[in-house]
N, C-alpha and C. Protein backbone atom coordinates (compact mmCIF):
# COMPACT_ATOMS: atom_id res chain seq x y z
N MET A 1 214.29 31.21 144.49
CA MET A 1 214.74 30.44 145.69
C MET A 1 214.27 31.09 146.90
N THR A 2 213.72 30.34 147.87
CA THR A 2 213.20 30.84 149.08
C THR A 2 214.34 30.94 150.06
N SER A 3 214.38 32.12 150.78
CA SER A 3 215.40 32.34 151.83
C SER A 3 215.08 31.52 153.02
N GLY A 4 216.06 31.21 153.83
CA GLY A 4 215.90 30.38 155.01
C GLY A 4 214.83 31.01 155.97
N ALA A 5 215.04 32.36 156.16
CA ALA A 5 214.04 32.98 157.09
C ALA A 5 212.64 32.98 156.52
N GLY A 6 212.53 33.24 155.20
CA GLY A 6 211.24 33.27 154.53
C GLY A 6 210.58 31.93 154.58
N ALA A 7 211.33 30.90 154.36
CA ALA A 7 210.84 29.51 154.36
C ALA A 7 210.34 29.18 155.73
N ARG A 8 211.09 29.48 156.79
CA ARG A 8 210.70 29.17 158.10
C ARG A 8 209.37 29.90 158.48
N GLY A 9 209.31 31.14 157.99
CA GLY A 9 208.07 31.93 158.27
C GLY A 9 206.89 31.30 157.63
N SER A 10 207.06 30.81 156.37
CA SER A 10 205.96 30.14 155.67
C SER A 10 205.54 28.82 156.26
N VAL A 11 206.53 28.08 156.80
CA VAL A 11 206.21 26.80 157.59
C VAL A 11 205.39 27.14 158.81
N VAL A 12 205.83 28.23 159.55
CA VAL A 12 205.08 28.57 160.71
C VAL A 12 203.66 29.03 160.38
N ALA A 13 203.55 29.81 159.26
CA ALA A 13 202.25 30.24 158.81
C ALA A 13 201.31 29.11 158.41
N ALA A 14 201.94 28.10 157.83
CA ALA A 14 201.12 26.95 157.34
C ALA A 14 200.66 26.16 158.56
N MET A 15 201.48 26.08 159.61
CA MET A 15 201.05 25.35 160.83
C MET A 15 199.98 26.14 161.52
N ALA A 16 200.17 27.48 161.63
CA ALA A 16 199.19 28.31 162.25
C ALA A 16 197.77 28.21 161.62
N LEU A 17 197.73 27.98 160.31
CA LEU A 17 196.39 27.88 159.67
C LEU A 17 195.63 26.61 160.15
N VAL A 18 196.41 25.58 160.43
CA VAL A 18 195.72 24.35 160.92
C VAL A 18 195.31 24.50 162.36
N VAL A 19 196.18 25.18 163.14
CA VAL A 19 195.78 25.43 164.54
C VAL A 19 194.60 26.30 164.63
N ALA A 20 194.49 27.29 163.64
CA ALA A 20 193.37 28.24 163.60
C ALA A 20 192.11 27.42 163.29
N CYS A 21 192.24 26.26 162.60
CA CYS A 21 191.06 25.47 162.29
C CYS A 21 190.86 24.33 163.24
N ALA A 22 191.51 24.30 164.37
CA ALA A 22 191.35 23.27 165.35
C ALA A 22 189.91 23.05 165.78
N ASP A 23 189.15 24.20 165.86
CA ASP A 23 187.81 24.04 166.23
C ASP A 23 186.87 23.63 165.08
N CYS A 24 187.47 23.64 163.81
CA CYS A 24 186.74 23.20 162.69
C CYS A 24 186.47 21.70 162.82
N GLY A 25 187.55 20.94 163.03
CA GLY A 25 187.47 19.51 163.08
C GLY A 25 188.32 18.87 164.14
N GLY A 26 188.35 19.41 165.29
CA GLY A 26 189.29 19.06 166.29
C GLY A 26 188.90 17.81 167.12
N GLY A 27 187.76 17.11 166.80
CA GLY A 27 187.40 15.96 167.49
C GLY A 27 187.36 14.73 166.64
N ALA A 28 187.67 13.60 167.17
CA ALA A 28 187.74 12.36 166.40
C ALA A 28 186.36 12.01 165.81
N SER A 29 185.26 12.49 166.50
CA SER A 29 184.01 12.09 166.02
C SER A 29 183.42 13.08 165.02
N VAL A 30 184.19 14.14 164.80
CA VAL A 30 183.77 15.14 163.69
C VAL A 30 183.81 14.43 162.34
N LYS A 31 182.75 14.67 161.57
CA LYS A 31 182.69 14.01 160.30
C LYS A 31 182.39 15.07 159.26
N PRO A 32 182.66 14.80 158.01
CA PRO A 32 182.28 15.76 156.95
C PRO A 32 180.83 16.04 156.95
N SER A 33 180.44 17.24 156.68
CA SER A 33 179.09 17.68 156.73
C SER A 33 178.71 18.61 155.57
N GLY A 34 177.42 19.00 155.54
CA GLY A 34 177.08 19.89 154.40
C GLY A 34 176.24 19.00 153.47
N PRO A 35 175.52 19.70 152.58
CA PRO A 35 174.59 18.97 151.72
C PRO A 35 175.20 17.92 150.75
N ASP A 36 176.50 18.14 150.47
CA ASP A 36 177.12 17.18 149.50
C ASP A 36 178.31 16.49 150.09
N ALA A 37 178.27 16.44 151.48
CA ALA A 37 179.39 15.76 152.13
C ALA A 37 179.52 14.34 151.73
N GLY A 38 180.75 13.90 151.42
CA GLY A 38 180.92 12.56 151.02
C GLY A 38 180.47 12.19 149.60
N ALA A 39 179.79 12.98 149.01
CA ALA A 39 179.29 12.74 147.67
C ALA A 39 179.97 13.42 146.59
N ARG A 40 180.66 14.49 146.93
CA ARG A 40 181.40 15.31 145.91
C ARG A 40 182.64 14.56 145.37
N ASP A 41 182.74 14.52 144.01
CA ASP A 41 183.84 13.93 143.43
C ASP A 41 185.03 14.82 143.30
N THR A 42 185.82 14.87 144.28
CA THR A 42 187.01 15.78 144.28
C THR A 42 188.17 15.22 143.84
N GLY A 43 188.30 13.87 143.75
CA GLY A 43 189.55 13.23 143.38
C GLY A 43 190.44 12.94 144.55
N VAL A 44 190.09 13.42 145.76
CA VAL A 44 190.90 13.10 146.91
C VAL A 44 190.66 11.71 147.46
N ASP A 45 191.76 11.04 147.74
CA ASP A 45 191.75 9.71 148.25
C ASP A 45 191.03 8.74 147.34
N ALA A 46 191.16 8.94 146.01
CA ALA A 46 190.52 8.12 145.07
C ALA A 46 191.04 6.71 145.26
N GLY A 47 190.12 5.70 145.23
CA GLY A 47 190.54 4.29 145.26
C GLY A 47 190.73 3.79 146.72
N VAL A 48 190.63 4.67 147.70
CA VAL A 48 190.84 4.19 149.07
C VAL A 48 189.53 3.78 149.68
N ASP A 49 188.47 4.48 149.47
CA ASP A 49 187.14 4.17 150.11
C ASP A 49 186.72 2.73 149.71
N ALA A 50 187.04 2.29 148.59
CA ALA A 50 186.66 0.84 148.25
C ALA A 50 187.16 -0.21 149.23
N GLY A 51 188.36 0.08 149.77
CA GLY A 51 188.86 -0.90 150.75
C GLY A 51 188.60 -0.48 152.19
N VAL A 52 188.27 0.75 152.36
CA VAL A 52 188.05 1.29 153.77
C VAL A 52 186.70 0.80 154.26
N GLU A 53 185.67 0.87 153.39
CA GLU A 53 184.27 0.59 153.81
C GLU A 53 184.10 -0.94 154.31
N PRO A 54 184.66 -1.90 153.63
CA PRO A 54 184.47 -3.23 154.12
C PRO A 54 185.19 -3.51 155.51
N ARG A 55 186.35 -2.92 155.63
CA ARG A 55 187.03 -3.15 156.90
C ARG A 55 186.36 -2.42 158.09
N CYS A 56 185.76 -1.25 157.81
CA CYS A 56 185.05 -0.52 158.80
C CYS A 56 183.73 -1.25 159.17
N GLU A 57 183.12 -1.81 158.20
CA GLU A 57 181.86 -2.63 158.42
C GLU A 57 182.18 -3.84 159.27
N ALA A 58 183.28 -4.52 159.04
CA ALA A 58 183.62 -5.65 159.85
C ALA A 58 183.95 -5.23 161.26
N LEU A 59 184.63 -4.08 161.42
CA LEU A 59 185.03 -3.71 162.72
C LEU A 59 183.79 -3.28 163.56
N CYS A 60 182.93 -2.49 162.83
CA CYS A 60 181.76 -1.92 163.59
C CYS A 60 180.79 -3.10 163.96
N GLN A 61 180.63 -4.07 163.03
CA GLN A 61 179.86 -5.23 163.41
C GLN A 61 180.44 -6.04 164.60
N ARG A 62 181.74 -6.12 164.69
CA ARG A 62 182.42 -6.76 165.82
C ARG A 62 182.15 -6.00 167.12
N LEU A 63 182.31 -4.70 167.04
CA LEU A 63 182.10 -3.87 168.27
C LEU A 63 180.66 -3.78 168.70
N ALA A 64 179.77 -3.98 167.76
CA ALA A 64 178.29 -3.93 168.06
C ALA A 64 177.93 -5.12 168.95
N LYS A 65 178.64 -6.28 168.78
CA LYS A 65 178.37 -7.46 169.50
C LYS A 65 178.64 -7.28 171.06
N LEU A 66 179.43 -6.31 171.36
CA LEU A 66 179.74 -6.05 172.81
C LEU A 66 178.54 -5.42 173.49
N GLN A 67 177.58 -4.76 172.73
CA GLN A 67 176.43 -4.25 173.24
C GLN A 67 176.72 -3.03 174.31
N CYS A 68 177.65 -2.28 173.99
CA CYS A 68 177.88 -1.12 174.84
C CYS A 68 176.90 0.00 174.57
N PRO A 69 176.49 0.70 175.62
CA PRO A 69 175.69 1.88 175.33
C PRO A 69 176.51 2.86 174.51
N ALA A 70 176.08 3.17 173.33
CA ALA A 70 176.94 3.95 172.42
C ALA A 70 176.15 4.60 171.30
N PRO A 71 176.72 5.40 170.55
CA PRO A 71 176.10 5.97 169.35
C PRO A 71 175.79 4.85 168.40
N SER A 72 175.01 5.23 167.41
CA SER A 72 174.52 4.24 166.40
C SER A 72 175.68 3.55 165.56
N SER A 73 175.27 2.50 164.84
CA SER A 73 176.31 1.88 164.00
C SER A 73 176.61 2.83 162.89
N THR A 74 175.75 3.75 162.48
CA THR A 74 176.09 4.76 161.50
C THR A 74 177.20 5.68 161.94
N TYR A 75 177.17 6.05 163.26
CA TYR A 75 178.21 6.84 163.84
C TYR A 75 179.54 6.06 163.78
N CYS A 76 179.56 4.81 164.09
CA CYS A 76 180.76 3.98 164.04
C CYS A 76 181.38 3.97 162.63
N MET A 77 180.48 3.72 161.66
CA MET A 77 180.95 3.66 160.34
C MET A 77 181.58 5.04 159.87
N GLU A 78 180.90 6.11 160.13
CA GLU A 78 181.35 7.47 159.77
C GLU A 78 182.74 7.79 160.43
N ASP A 79 182.77 7.47 161.74
CA ASP A 79 183.99 7.71 162.51
C ASP A 79 185.13 6.88 162.02
N CYS A 80 184.87 5.58 161.86
CA CYS A 80 185.97 4.66 161.32
C CYS A 80 186.38 5.07 159.91
N THR A 81 185.47 5.34 159.06
CA THR A 81 185.83 5.64 157.64
C THR A 81 186.62 6.94 157.61
N LEU A 82 186.28 7.91 158.41
CA LEU A 82 187.04 9.17 158.45
C LEU A 82 188.45 8.94 158.86
N ARG A 83 188.67 8.22 159.99
CA ARG A 83 189.97 7.90 160.47
C ARG A 83 190.77 7.08 159.48
N GLN A 84 190.19 6.15 158.86
CA GLN A 84 190.91 5.21 157.93
C GLN A 84 191.28 5.93 156.64
N SER A 85 190.52 7.06 156.33
CA SER A 85 190.68 7.63 155.01
C SER A 85 191.51 8.94 155.09
N PHE A 86 192.07 9.28 156.23
CA PHE A 86 192.86 10.49 156.37
C PHE A 86 194.03 10.59 155.32
N ALA A 87 194.74 9.45 155.24
CA ALA A 87 195.95 9.55 154.36
C ALA A 87 196.00 8.29 153.48
N PRO A 88 195.77 8.35 152.15
CA PRO A 88 195.87 7.17 151.39
C PRO A 88 197.22 6.45 151.35
N TRP A 89 198.27 7.16 151.69
CA TRP A 89 199.68 6.60 151.81
C TRP A 89 199.77 5.76 153.06
N CYS A 90 198.79 5.90 154.00
CA CYS A 90 198.84 5.04 155.20
C CYS A 90 197.80 3.97 155.14
N ASP A 91 197.25 3.68 154.05
CA ASP A 91 196.18 2.73 153.94
C ASP A 91 196.50 1.31 154.51
N ALA A 92 197.75 0.86 154.14
CA ALA A 92 198.08 -0.53 154.66
C ALA A 92 198.14 -0.52 156.19
N ALA A 93 198.71 0.51 156.80
CA ALA A 93 198.81 0.59 158.24
C ALA A 93 197.46 0.68 158.87
N GLY A 94 196.59 1.43 158.29
CA GLY A 94 195.19 1.61 158.81
C GLY A 94 194.45 0.28 158.72
N LYS A 95 194.67 -0.47 157.63
CA LYS A 95 193.96 -1.82 157.41
C LYS A 95 194.46 -2.69 158.48
N ALA A 96 195.73 -2.77 158.83
CA ALA A 96 196.32 -3.59 159.87
C ALA A 96 195.67 -3.36 161.29
N VAL A 97 195.41 -2.06 161.51
CA VAL A 97 194.75 -1.77 162.83
C VAL A 97 193.33 -2.32 162.86
N ALA A 98 192.59 -2.06 161.77
CA ALA A 98 191.17 -2.50 161.70
C ALA A 98 191.11 -3.99 161.71
N ASP A 99 191.98 -4.65 161.03
CA ASP A 99 191.98 -6.14 161.04
C ASP A 99 192.30 -6.69 162.40
N CYS A 100 193.31 -6.04 163.07
CA CYS A 100 193.70 -6.62 164.30
C CYS A 100 192.56 -6.40 165.38
N LEU A 101 191.98 -5.25 165.46
CA LEU A 101 190.91 -5.03 166.33
C LEU A 101 189.59 -5.92 166.10
N THR A 102 189.33 -6.18 164.80
CA THR A 102 188.28 -7.03 164.46
C THR A 102 188.38 -8.41 164.96
N LYS A 103 189.68 -8.88 165.06
CA LYS A 103 189.87 -10.26 165.53
C LYS A 103 189.99 -10.48 167.03
N GLN A 104 189.92 -9.36 167.73
CA GLN A 104 190.16 -9.43 169.24
C GLN A 104 188.97 -10.06 169.95
N PRO A 105 189.22 -10.76 171.16
CA PRO A 105 188.14 -11.26 171.92
C PRO A 105 187.52 -10.13 172.75
N ASP A 106 186.33 -10.40 173.33
CA ASP A 106 185.66 -9.49 174.08
C ASP A 106 186.47 -8.86 175.22
N SER A 107 187.41 -9.68 175.79
CA SER A 107 188.18 -9.21 176.90
C SER A 107 189.12 -8.04 176.46
N SER A 108 189.30 -7.87 175.24
CA SER A 108 190.18 -6.80 174.76
C SER A 108 189.53 -5.45 174.78
N PHE A 109 188.25 -5.31 175.02
CA PHE A 109 187.55 -4.15 174.95
C PHE A 109 186.80 -3.81 176.26
N ALA A 110 186.43 -2.56 176.46
CA ALA A 110 185.69 -2.07 177.53
C ALA A 110 184.70 -1.00 177.05
N CYS A 111 183.53 -0.84 177.71
CA CYS A 111 182.58 0.14 177.28
C CYS A 111 183.00 1.51 177.79
N GLY A 112 183.06 2.45 176.92
CA GLY A 112 183.43 3.85 177.31
C GLY A 112 182.41 4.84 176.78
N GLY A 113 182.80 6.13 176.91
CA GLY A 113 181.87 7.14 176.57
C GLY A 113 181.47 7.13 175.12
N SER A 114 182.36 6.61 174.21
CA SER A 114 182.05 6.57 172.79
C SER A 114 181.74 5.15 172.34
N GLY A 115 181.40 4.25 173.30
CA GLY A 115 181.04 2.91 172.90
C GLY A 115 182.16 2.04 173.31
N ALA A 116 182.29 0.92 172.61
CA ALA A 116 183.35 -0.11 172.90
C ALA A 116 184.76 0.53 172.55
N GLU A 117 185.64 0.41 173.47
CA GLU A 117 186.99 1.01 173.29
C GLU A 117 188.02 -0.08 173.57
N ALA A 118 189.03 -0.20 172.79
CA ALA A 118 190.09 -1.04 172.98
C ALA A 118 190.92 -0.80 174.26
N ASN A 119 191.19 -1.83 175.06
CA ASN A 119 192.01 -1.66 176.27
C ASN A 119 193.46 -1.24 175.90
N ARG A 120 194.13 -0.60 176.88
CA ARG A 120 195.47 -0.26 176.65
C ARG A 120 196.30 -1.42 176.24
N GLY A 121 197.10 -1.28 175.23
CA GLY A 121 197.99 -2.30 174.76
C GLY A 121 197.44 -3.29 173.74
N VAL A 122 196.15 -3.19 173.50
CA VAL A 122 195.53 -4.04 172.42
C VAL A 122 195.94 -3.48 171.03
N CYS A 123 196.42 -4.34 170.22
CA CYS A 123 196.87 -3.94 168.90
C CYS A 123 197.82 -2.77 168.89
N GLU A 124 198.59 -2.70 169.98
CA GLU A 124 199.47 -1.55 170.24
C GLU A 124 200.48 -1.35 169.18
N LYS A 125 201.09 -2.34 168.64
CA LYS A 125 202.08 -2.29 167.57
C LYS A 125 201.47 -1.72 166.32
N GLN A 126 200.36 -2.26 165.87
CA GLN A 126 199.63 -1.78 164.70
C GLN A 126 199.26 -0.30 164.83
N GLN A 127 198.68 0.04 166.02
CA GLN A 127 198.23 1.40 166.17
C GLN A 127 199.45 2.43 166.17
N ALA A 128 200.61 1.98 166.71
CA ALA A 128 201.76 2.80 166.74
C ALA A 128 202.22 3.10 165.28
N VAL A 129 202.25 2.01 164.53
CA VAL A 129 202.71 2.17 163.08
C VAL A 129 201.73 3.15 162.38
N PHE A 130 200.49 2.94 162.63
CA PHE A 130 199.51 3.79 161.85
C PHE A 130 199.62 5.21 162.26
N GLN A 131 199.70 5.47 163.63
CA GLN A 131 199.84 6.78 164.10
C GLN A 131 201.19 7.43 163.58
N ASP A 132 202.23 6.70 163.57
CA ASP A 132 203.51 7.23 163.07
C ASP A 132 203.43 7.59 161.61
N CYS A 133 202.68 6.83 160.85
CA CYS A 133 202.49 7.15 159.41
C CYS A 133 201.68 8.45 159.26
N LEU A 134 200.60 8.60 160.00
CA LEU A 134 199.85 9.70 159.87
C LEU A 134 200.59 11.02 160.33
N PHE A 135 201.36 10.88 161.41
CA PHE A 135 202.03 12.04 161.90
C PHE A 135 203.31 12.35 161.11
N GLU A 136 204.06 11.44 160.69
CA GLU A 136 205.34 11.68 160.11
C GLU A 136 205.63 11.04 158.74
N GLY A 137 204.69 10.37 158.16
CA GLY A 137 204.87 9.73 156.84
C GLY A 137 205.50 8.41 157.03
N PRO A 138 206.15 7.88 156.05
CA PRO A 138 206.79 8.62 154.87
C PRO A 138 205.69 8.96 153.87
N LEU A 139 205.99 10.13 153.23
CA LEU A 139 204.96 10.71 152.25
C LEU A 139 205.29 10.37 150.81
N PRO A 140 204.30 10.28 149.97
CA PRO A 140 204.57 10.14 148.55
C PRO A 140 205.01 11.55 148.02
N ASP A 141 205.23 11.63 146.71
CA ASP A 141 205.58 12.93 146.08
C ASP A 141 204.41 13.90 146.23
N MET A 142 204.56 14.99 146.92
CA MET A 142 203.50 15.96 147.23
C MET A 142 203.51 17.12 146.26
N THR A 143 204.30 17.05 145.23
CA THR A 143 204.53 18.23 144.32
C THR A 143 203.11 18.66 143.74
N GLN A 144 202.39 17.80 143.24
CA GLN A 144 201.07 18.15 142.65
C GLN A 144 200.08 18.73 143.70
N ASP A 145 200.05 18.09 144.88
CA ASP A 145 199.20 18.59 145.95
C ASP A 145 199.65 20.03 146.38
N CYS A 146 200.96 20.27 146.43
CA CYS A 146 201.45 21.56 146.94
C CYS A 146 201.21 22.66 145.81
N ALA A 147 201.33 22.20 144.58
CA ALA A 147 201.10 23.14 143.50
C ALA A 147 199.62 23.57 143.54
N ALA A 148 198.68 22.60 143.74
CA ALA A 148 197.26 22.87 143.80
C ALA A 148 196.92 23.70 145.02
N TYR A 149 197.47 23.33 146.13
CA TYR A 149 197.14 23.99 147.44
C TYR A 149 197.65 25.45 147.37
N SER A 150 198.95 25.65 146.79
CA SER A 150 199.48 26.95 146.71
C SER A 150 198.57 27.92 145.80
N SER A 151 198.06 27.24 144.74
CA SER A 151 197.27 28.07 143.79
C SER A 151 195.93 28.53 144.43
N ILE A 152 195.25 27.60 145.08
CA ILE A 152 193.93 28.02 145.66
C ILE A 152 194.19 28.82 146.85
N PHE A 153 195.22 28.62 147.67
CA PHE A 153 195.48 29.42 148.81
C PHE A 153 195.84 30.86 148.46
N THR A 154 196.71 30.98 147.46
CA THR A 154 197.03 32.37 146.93
C THR A 154 195.85 33.06 146.44
N SER A 155 194.97 32.37 145.72
CA SER A 155 193.82 32.99 145.25
C SER A 155 192.87 33.41 146.33
N LEU A 156 192.80 32.61 147.36
CA LEU A 156 191.90 32.93 148.50
C LEU A 156 192.42 34.14 149.27
N VAL A 157 193.81 34.22 149.41
CA VAL A 157 194.39 35.33 150.07
C VAL A 157 193.98 36.63 149.40
N SER A 158 193.95 36.61 148.04
CA SER A 158 193.58 37.73 147.25
C SER A 158 192.08 38.07 147.39
N SER A 159 191.28 37.03 147.25
CA SER A 159 189.79 37.23 147.17
C SER A 159 189.21 37.52 148.62
N LEU A 160 189.78 36.88 149.69
CA LEU A 160 189.23 37.10 151.01
C LEU A 160 189.91 38.22 151.72
N GLY A 161 191.14 38.56 151.26
CA GLY A 161 191.80 39.73 151.89
C GLY A 161 192.40 39.37 153.27
N CYS A 162 192.91 38.17 153.45
CA CYS A 162 193.51 37.84 154.69
C CYS A 162 194.73 36.82 154.46
N GLY A 163 195.70 36.86 155.33
CA GLY A 163 196.80 35.94 155.17
C GLY A 163 197.82 36.44 154.17
N LYS A 164 198.82 35.57 153.96
CA LYS A 164 199.89 35.79 153.07
C LYS A 164 199.94 34.57 152.10
N PRO A 165 200.40 34.76 150.83
CA PRO A 165 200.44 33.66 149.86
C PRO A 165 201.43 32.55 150.32
N LEU A 166 201.22 31.41 150.03
CA LEU A 166 202.10 30.28 150.32
C LEU A 166 202.52 29.66 149.01
N SER A 167 203.76 29.71 148.76
CA SER A 167 204.37 29.13 147.46
C SER A 167 204.38 27.62 147.46
N LYS A 168 204.45 27.09 146.29
CA LYS A 168 204.64 25.59 146.17
C LYS A 168 205.89 25.13 146.90
N ASP A 169 207.01 25.90 146.75
CA ASP A 169 208.34 25.50 147.37
C ASP A 169 208.13 25.53 148.85
N ASP A 170 207.48 26.50 149.45
CA ASP A 170 207.38 26.55 150.90
C ASP A 170 206.39 25.52 151.40
N CYS A 171 205.39 25.14 150.56
CA CYS A 171 204.47 24.00 151.00
C CYS A 171 205.36 22.72 151.05
N LEU A 172 206.19 22.53 150.08
CA LEU A 172 207.01 21.30 149.97
C LEU A 172 207.99 21.28 151.15
N LEU A 173 208.50 22.52 151.49
CA LEU A 173 209.42 22.54 152.60
C LEU A 173 208.75 22.20 153.97
N ALA A 174 207.56 22.70 154.14
CA ALA A 174 206.71 22.41 155.37
C ALA A 174 206.51 20.91 155.48
N LEU A 175 206.57 20.21 154.35
CA LEU A 175 206.31 18.75 154.34
C LEU A 175 207.57 17.89 154.32
N SER A 176 208.74 18.56 154.54
CA SER A 176 209.99 17.83 154.44
C SER A 176 210.13 16.99 155.73
N ASP A 177 210.98 16.02 155.66
CA ASP A 177 211.19 15.09 156.75
C ASP A 177 211.68 15.72 157.97
N ARG A 178 212.45 16.82 157.93
CA ARG A 178 212.96 17.47 159.04
C ARG A 178 211.88 18.35 159.79
N ILE A 179 210.69 18.52 159.34
CA ILE A 179 209.67 19.25 159.93
C ILE A 179 208.80 18.33 160.80
N PRO A 180 208.73 18.48 162.13
CA PRO A 180 207.81 17.69 162.97
C PRO A 180 206.28 17.74 162.40
N CYS A 181 205.73 16.59 162.49
CA CYS A 181 204.35 16.50 162.08
C CYS A 181 204.06 16.80 160.66
N ASN A 182 205.10 16.55 159.84
CA ASN A 182 204.96 16.79 158.43
C ASN A 182 203.90 15.90 157.76
N GLY A 183 203.68 14.73 158.23
CA GLY A 183 202.69 13.78 157.70
C GLY A 183 201.30 14.29 157.97
N ALA A 184 201.08 14.79 159.23
CA ALA A 184 199.75 15.34 159.55
C ALA A 184 199.48 16.58 158.77
N LEU A 185 200.46 17.36 158.50
CA LEU A 185 200.26 18.60 157.72
C LEU A 185 199.96 18.27 156.27
N ALA A 186 200.59 17.16 155.80
CA ALA A 186 200.36 16.77 154.42
C ALA A 186 198.90 16.32 154.24
N ILE A 187 198.33 15.65 155.30
CA ILE A 187 196.94 15.25 155.22
C ILE A 187 196.00 16.43 155.03
N TYR A 188 196.32 17.50 155.74
CA TYR A 188 195.53 18.67 155.65
C TYR A 188 195.73 19.33 154.28
N PHE A 189 196.95 19.49 153.78
CA PHE A 189 197.14 19.99 152.43
C PHE A 189 196.51 19.15 151.36
N HIS A 190 196.67 17.85 151.48
CA HIS A 190 196.23 16.95 150.43
C HIS A 190 194.70 17.05 150.29
N CYS A 191 193.91 17.15 151.30
CA CYS A 191 192.46 17.32 151.26
C CYS A 191 192.12 18.63 150.65
N ASN A 192 192.65 19.77 151.30
CA ASN A 192 192.18 21.07 150.94
C ASN A 192 192.64 21.55 149.58
N ALA A 193 193.62 20.89 149.05
CA ALA A 193 194.16 21.28 147.74
C ALA A 193 193.15 21.12 146.63
N HIS A 194 192.12 20.27 146.88
CA HIS A 194 191.08 19.95 145.82
C HIS A 194 189.72 20.57 146.12
N GLU A 195 189.70 21.41 147.15
CA GLU A 195 188.34 21.97 147.50
C GLU A 195 188.02 23.26 146.86
N PRO A 196 186.78 23.59 146.68
CA PRO A 196 186.30 24.79 146.10
C PRO A 196 186.52 25.96 147.02
N ALA A 197 186.68 27.19 146.48
CA ALA A 197 186.97 28.35 147.25
C ALA A 197 185.79 28.64 148.29
N SER A 198 184.57 28.16 148.01
CA SER A 198 183.49 28.40 148.91
C SER A 198 183.56 27.61 150.20
N SER A 199 184.59 26.66 150.27
CA SER A 199 184.75 25.87 151.47
C SER A 199 185.57 26.67 152.54
N PHE A 200 186.12 27.73 152.15
CA PHE A 200 187.07 28.46 153.05
C PHE A 200 186.45 29.67 153.67
N GLN A 201 187.05 30.14 154.75
CA GLN A 201 186.70 31.45 155.40
C GLN A 201 187.99 32.15 155.88
N CYS A 202 187.90 33.43 156.25
CA CYS A 202 188.95 34.20 156.71
C CYS A 202 189.13 33.94 158.20
N THR A 203 190.37 33.73 158.66
CA THR A 203 190.80 33.63 160.02
C THR A 203 191.99 34.58 160.30
N GLU A 204 192.28 34.70 161.52
CA GLU A 204 193.47 35.61 161.85
C GLU A 204 194.78 35.10 161.12
N ALA A 205 194.90 33.74 160.93
CA ALA A 205 196.04 33.23 160.36
C ALA A 205 195.94 33.22 158.83
N GLY A 206 194.75 33.40 158.30
CA GLY A 206 194.61 33.32 156.86
C GLY A 206 193.43 32.48 156.47
N PRO A 207 193.24 32.14 155.24
CA PRO A 207 192.15 31.27 154.81
C PRO A 207 192.20 29.90 155.45
N ALA A 208 191.01 29.40 155.92
CA ALA A 208 190.98 28.13 156.57
C ALA A 208 189.63 27.51 156.24
N PRO A 209 189.46 26.17 156.30
CA PRO A 209 188.18 25.60 156.00
C PRO A 209 187.04 26.04 156.92
N LYS A 210 185.89 26.22 156.41
CA LYS A 210 184.70 26.60 157.25
C LYS A 210 184.40 25.35 158.12
N PRO A 211 183.72 25.61 159.24
CA PRO A 211 183.49 24.45 160.22
C PRO A 211 182.74 23.29 159.67
N ASP A 212 181.90 23.50 158.57
CA ASP A 212 181.09 22.49 157.99
C ASP A 212 181.79 22.03 156.64
N ALA A 213 182.98 22.41 156.32
CA ALA A 213 183.61 22.02 155.11
C ALA A 213 184.02 20.57 155.24
N ARG A 214 184.10 19.92 154.07
CA ARG A 214 184.43 18.47 154.03
C ARG A 214 185.80 18.19 154.65
N CYS A 215 186.79 19.07 154.39
CA CYS A 215 188.14 18.82 154.89
C CYS A 215 188.38 19.34 156.24
N ALA A 216 187.38 19.98 156.90
CA ALA A 216 187.64 20.53 158.27
C ALA A 216 188.19 19.48 159.19
N PRO A 217 187.62 18.28 159.23
CA PRO A 217 188.10 17.24 160.17
C PRO A 217 189.50 16.79 159.93
N TYR A 218 190.01 17.08 158.72
CA TYR A 218 191.40 16.61 158.38
C TYR A 218 192.45 17.41 159.07
N ALA A 219 192.04 18.40 159.88
CA ALA A 219 193.05 19.06 160.76
C ALA A 219 193.27 18.19 162.07
N PHE A 220 192.44 17.23 162.33
CA PHE A 220 192.48 16.42 163.56
C PHE A 220 193.85 15.80 163.78
N PRO A 221 194.40 15.12 162.81
CA PRO A 221 195.74 14.50 163.11
C PRO A 221 196.81 15.52 163.50
N LEU A 222 196.77 16.66 162.90
CA LEU A 222 197.80 17.65 163.18
C LEU A 222 197.58 18.29 164.59
N VAL A 223 196.39 18.42 165.03
CA VAL A 223 195.99 18.89 166.39
C VAL A 223 196.55 17.94 167.35
N LEU A 224 196.32 16.62 167.16
CA LEU A 224 196.85 15.57 168.04
C LEU A 224 198.36 15.56 168.01
N CYS A 225 198.95 15.66 166.83
CA CYS A 225 200.42 15.47 166.70
C CYS A 225 201.17 16.70 167.51
N THR A 226 200.55 17.82 167.42
CA THR A 226 201.24 18.95 167.98
C THR A 226 200.93 19.34 169.50
N GLN A 227 200.02 18.52 170.10
CA GLN A 227 199.74 18.66 171.47
C GLN A 227 200.35 17.64 172.41
N PRO A 228 200.63 17.91 173.63
CA PRO A 228 201.23 16.96 174.56
C PRO A 228 200.29 15.79 174.68
N ASN A 229 200.80 14.58 174.73
CA ASN A 229 200.00 13.37 174.73
C ASN A 229 200.37 12.57 175.92
N ASP A 230 199.55 12.61 176.95
CA ASP A 230 199.76 11.95 178.16
C ASP A 230 198.72 10.82 178.42
N SER A 231 197.85 10.61 177.43
CA SER A 231 196.83 9.64 177.61
C SER A 231 196.42 8.92 176.18
N ASP A 232 195.52 7.99 176.30
CA ASP A 232 195.09 7.36 175.06
C ASP A 232 194.32 8.25 174.16
N GLU A 233 193.97 9.50 174.62
CA GLU A 233 193.24 10.37 173.70
C GLU A 233 194.03 10.79 172.57
N GLY A 234 195.38 10.65 172.57
CA GLY A 234 196.12 11.07 171.47
C GLY A 234 196.36 9.94 170.46
N THR A 235 195.67 8.89 170.51
CA THR A 235 195.86 7.81 169.60
C THR A 235 194.77 7.86 168.45
N VAL A 236 195.24 7.74 167.31
CA VAL A 236 194.30 7.75 166.07
C VAL A 236 194.09 6.29 165.75
N GLN A 237 192.86 5.76 166.06
CA GLN A 237 192.59 4.35 165.73
C GLN A 237 191.94 4.20 164.46
């Protein structure tokens, strides 16, 4: 049984690991990289991509018609697919956002630094539901993910010589409903629980994904969730 103080310490440590990795994937445009990015069969988010790709294609084709000076359509697809694939348990909410934006008239958008951007208030309800799901859940049973993450994390602590072990129970505690941003933390755990040891490096807080690791961008929702949000930059579309 984990003591109250020990559990709180483990929760703080878990959060610190993601903060330590903020530079790994702290931007919405950051995408998985490396020679096998996107191609490795890790079992993460299985069954989600089949639905994500068509909705992102439809949305990117819609935005391309606005002819905003912007990155390529490939960038749009990569960015949309990453955002829509963060959490398989939020798939329905993510689809609602993409479908809503795809159906909007030209007047709902404006050209910005990253291309066509939805105006304030456009699909606001759908985006709020999606963001709430990413940040706070509700979560599915995370027992298997926490067991896998605890195992690889404890092994990394030993092999890399940094940080402290994280037990399965403390992982589950960090994802409990009473912990702020538990959904965003679950996204990070869910992805990294299935990654090879070579994807991690030592940081002051302990093992964390390397900047080019596939799961590095999955820290982005937690970075957003834990920072003050006074602008549209805090919205995960």
